[in-house]
Amino acid sequence: MKISYDKDVDALNVSLRAGVVAKTVEIAPEVLVDLDKKGNPLYLEIIGASEKIGKKNFRKVVVGKKSIPLPSFA
């Protein structure tokens, strides 16, 4: 899994697994999931992340007990 945050467009991106995107589904307003042809999730994108998750500087995310730094790009 790879997680990144694009501060220019305020989007949190989660790459779950490699694959070819066959379909993109909006599961909530501005929350998109890319699926492969078998319906397996490949990528998750949250647009307007600071509004949805909280107004903070995205420097890290905590998964279980592990703190993972988020690379900013763009």
C-alpha atoms as a PDB file:
ATOM      1  CA  MET A   1       0.000   0.000   0.000  1.00  0.00           C
ATOM      2  CA  LYS A   2       1.239   3.469  -0.869  1.00  0.00           C
ATOM      3  CA  ILE A   3      -0.286   6.650   0.571  1.00  0.00           C
ATOM      4  CA  SER A   4       0.356  10.190  -0.638  1.00  0.00           C
ATOM      5  CA  TYR A   5      -1.174  13.637  -0.259  1.00  0.00           C
ATOM      6  CA  ASP A   6      -1.301  16.275  -3.004  1.00  0.00           C
ATOM      7  CA  LYS A   7      -1.527  19.597  -1.168  1.00  0.00           C
ATOM      8  CA  ASP A   8      -2.146  21.590  -4.369  1.00  0.00           C
ATOM      9  CA  VAL A   9      -5.491  19.880  -4.995  1.00  0.00           C
ATOM     10  CA  ASP A  10      -6.069  18.700  -1.395  1.00  0.00           C
ATOM     11  CA  ALA A  11      -6.343  15.026  -2.361  1.00  0.00           C
ATOM     12  CA  LEU A  12      -5.367  11.991  -0.306  1.00  0.00           C
ATOM     13  CA  ASN A  13      -4.411   9.070  -2.551  1.00  0.00           C
ATOM     14  CA  VAL A  14      -4.111   5.439  -1.475  1.00  0.00           C
ATOM     15  CA  SER A  15      -2.695   2.865  -3.866  1.00  0.00           C
ATOM     16  CA  LEU A  16      -3.934  -0.510  -2.630  1.00  0.00           C
ATOM     17  CA  ARG A  17      -2.484  -2.824  -5.285  1.00  0.00           C
ATOM     18  CA  ALA A  18      -1.159  -2.747  -8.823  1.00  0.00           C
ATOM     19  CA  GLY A  19      -3.531  -3.419 -11.684  1.00  0.00           C
ATOM     20  CA  VAL A  20      -5.375  -2.012 -14.656  1.00  0.00           C
ATOM     21  CA  VAL A  21      -8.292   0.277 -13.833  1.00  0.00           C
ATOM     22  CA  ALA A  22     -11.503  -0.878 -15.500  1.00  0.00           C
ATOM     23  CA  LYS A  23     -13.968   1.334 -13.646  1.00  0.00           C
ATOM     24  CA  THR A  24     -14.052   4.270 -11.224  1.00  0.00           C
ATOM     25  CA  VAL A  25     -16.854   4.420  -8.665  1.00  0.00           C
ATOM     26  CA  GLU A  26     -17.776   7.442  -6.554  1.00  0.00           C
ATOM     27  CA  ILE A  27     -18.633   5.840  -3.198  1.00  0.00           C
ATOM     28  CA  ALA A  28     -19.347   9.182  -1.503  1.00  0.00           C
ATOM     29  CA  PRO A  29     -19.137  12.778  -2.710  1.00  0.00           C
ATOM     30  CA  GLU A  30     -15.550  13.296  -3.919  1.00  0.00           C
ATOM     31  CA  VAL A  31     -14.442   9.842  -2.689  1.00  0.00           C
ATOM     32  CA  LEU A  32     -13.436   7.686  -5.640  1.00  0.00           C
ATOM     33  CA  VAL A  33     -12.400   4.040  -5.872  1.00  0.00           C
ATOM     34  CA  ASP A  34     -10.758   2.577  -8.967  1.00  0.00           C
ATOM     35  CA  LEU A  35     -11.599  -1.070  -9.599  1.00  0.00           C
ATOM     36  CA  ASP A  36     -10.085  -3.737 -11.841  1.00  0.00           C
ATOM     37  CA  LYS A  37     -12.228  -5.860 -14.177  1.00  0.00           C
ATOM     38  CA  LYS A  38     -12.962  -8.337 -11.350  1.00  0.00           C
ATOM     39  CA  GLY A  39     -14.181  -5.536  -9.054  1.00  0.00           C
ATOM     40  CA  ASN A  40     -11.088  -5.539  -6.823  1.00  0.00           C
ATOM     41  CA  PRO A  41     -10.180  -2.095  -5.436  1.00  0.00           C
ATOM     42  CA  LEU A  42      -6.894  -0.687  -6.745  1.00  0.00           C
ATOM     43  CA  TYR A  43      -6.834   2.978  -5.717  1.00  0.00           C
ATOM     44  CA  LEU A  44      -8.724   5.282  -3.374  1.00  0.00           C
ATOM     45  CA  GLU A  45      -8.798   9.055  -3.806  1.00  0.00           C
ATOM     46  CA  ILE A  46     -10.351  11.530  -1.379  1.00  0.00           C
ATOM     47  CA  ILE A  47     -10.725  14.973  -2.942  1.00  0.00           C
ATOM     48  CA  GLY A  48     -11.042  17.814  -0.443  1.00  0.00           C
ATOM     49  CA  ALA A  49      -9.346  15.614   2.141  1.00  0.00           C
ATOM     50  CA  SER A  50      -8.637  18.333   4.708  1.00  0.00           C
ATOM     51  CA  GLU A  51     -12.362  19.150   4.867  1.00  0.00           C
ATOM     52  CA  LYS A  52     -13.423  15.507   5.156  1.00  0.00           C
ATOM     53  CA  ILE A  53     -10.688  14.222   7.456  1.00  0.00           C
ATOM     54  CA  GLY A  54      -9.827  17.358   9.371  1.00  0.00           C
ATOM     55  CA  LYS A  55      -8.010  20.603   8.815  1.00  0.00           C
ATOM     56  CA  LYS A  56      -4.487  19.525   9.547  1.00  0.00           C
ATOM     57  CA  ASN A  57      -1.196  19.286   7.765  1.00  0.00           C
ATOM     58  CA  PHE A  58      -0.972  15.796   6.325  1.00  0.00           C
ATOM     59  CA  ARG A  59       2.501  14.681   7.356  1.00  0.00           C
ATOM     60  CA  LYS A  60       1.742  11.161   8.535  1.00  0.00           C
ATOM     61  CA  VAL A  61      -1.022   8.626   8.875  1.00  0.00           C
ATOM     62  CA  VAL A  62      -1.313   6.017  11.604  1.00  0.00           C
ATOM     63  CA  VAL A  63      -2.201   2.462  10.540  1.00  0.00           C
ATOM     64  CA  GLY A  64      -2.585   0.222  13.566  1.00  0.00           C
ATOM     65  CA  LYS A  65       0.447   1.051  15.699  1.00  0.00           C
ATOM     66  CA  LYS A  66       2.603   2.131  12.771  1.00  0.00           C
ATOM     67  CA  SER A  67       3.062   5.801  11.845  1.00  0.00           C
ATOM     68  CA  ILE A  68       3.628   6.249   8.119  1.00  0.00           C
ATOM     69  CA  PRO A  69       4.956   9.538   6.684  1.00  0.00           C
ATOM     70  CA  LEU A  70       3.012  10.895   3.715  1.00  0.00           C
ATOM     71  CA  PRO A  71       4.986  12.183   0.758  1.00  0.00           C
ATOM     72  CA  SER A  72       3.571  15.392  -0.680  1.00  0.00           C
ATOM     73  CA  PHE A  73       3.823  15.855  -4.404  1.00  0.00           C
ATOM     74  CA  ALA A  74       3.121  18.512  -7.035  1.00  0.00           C
END
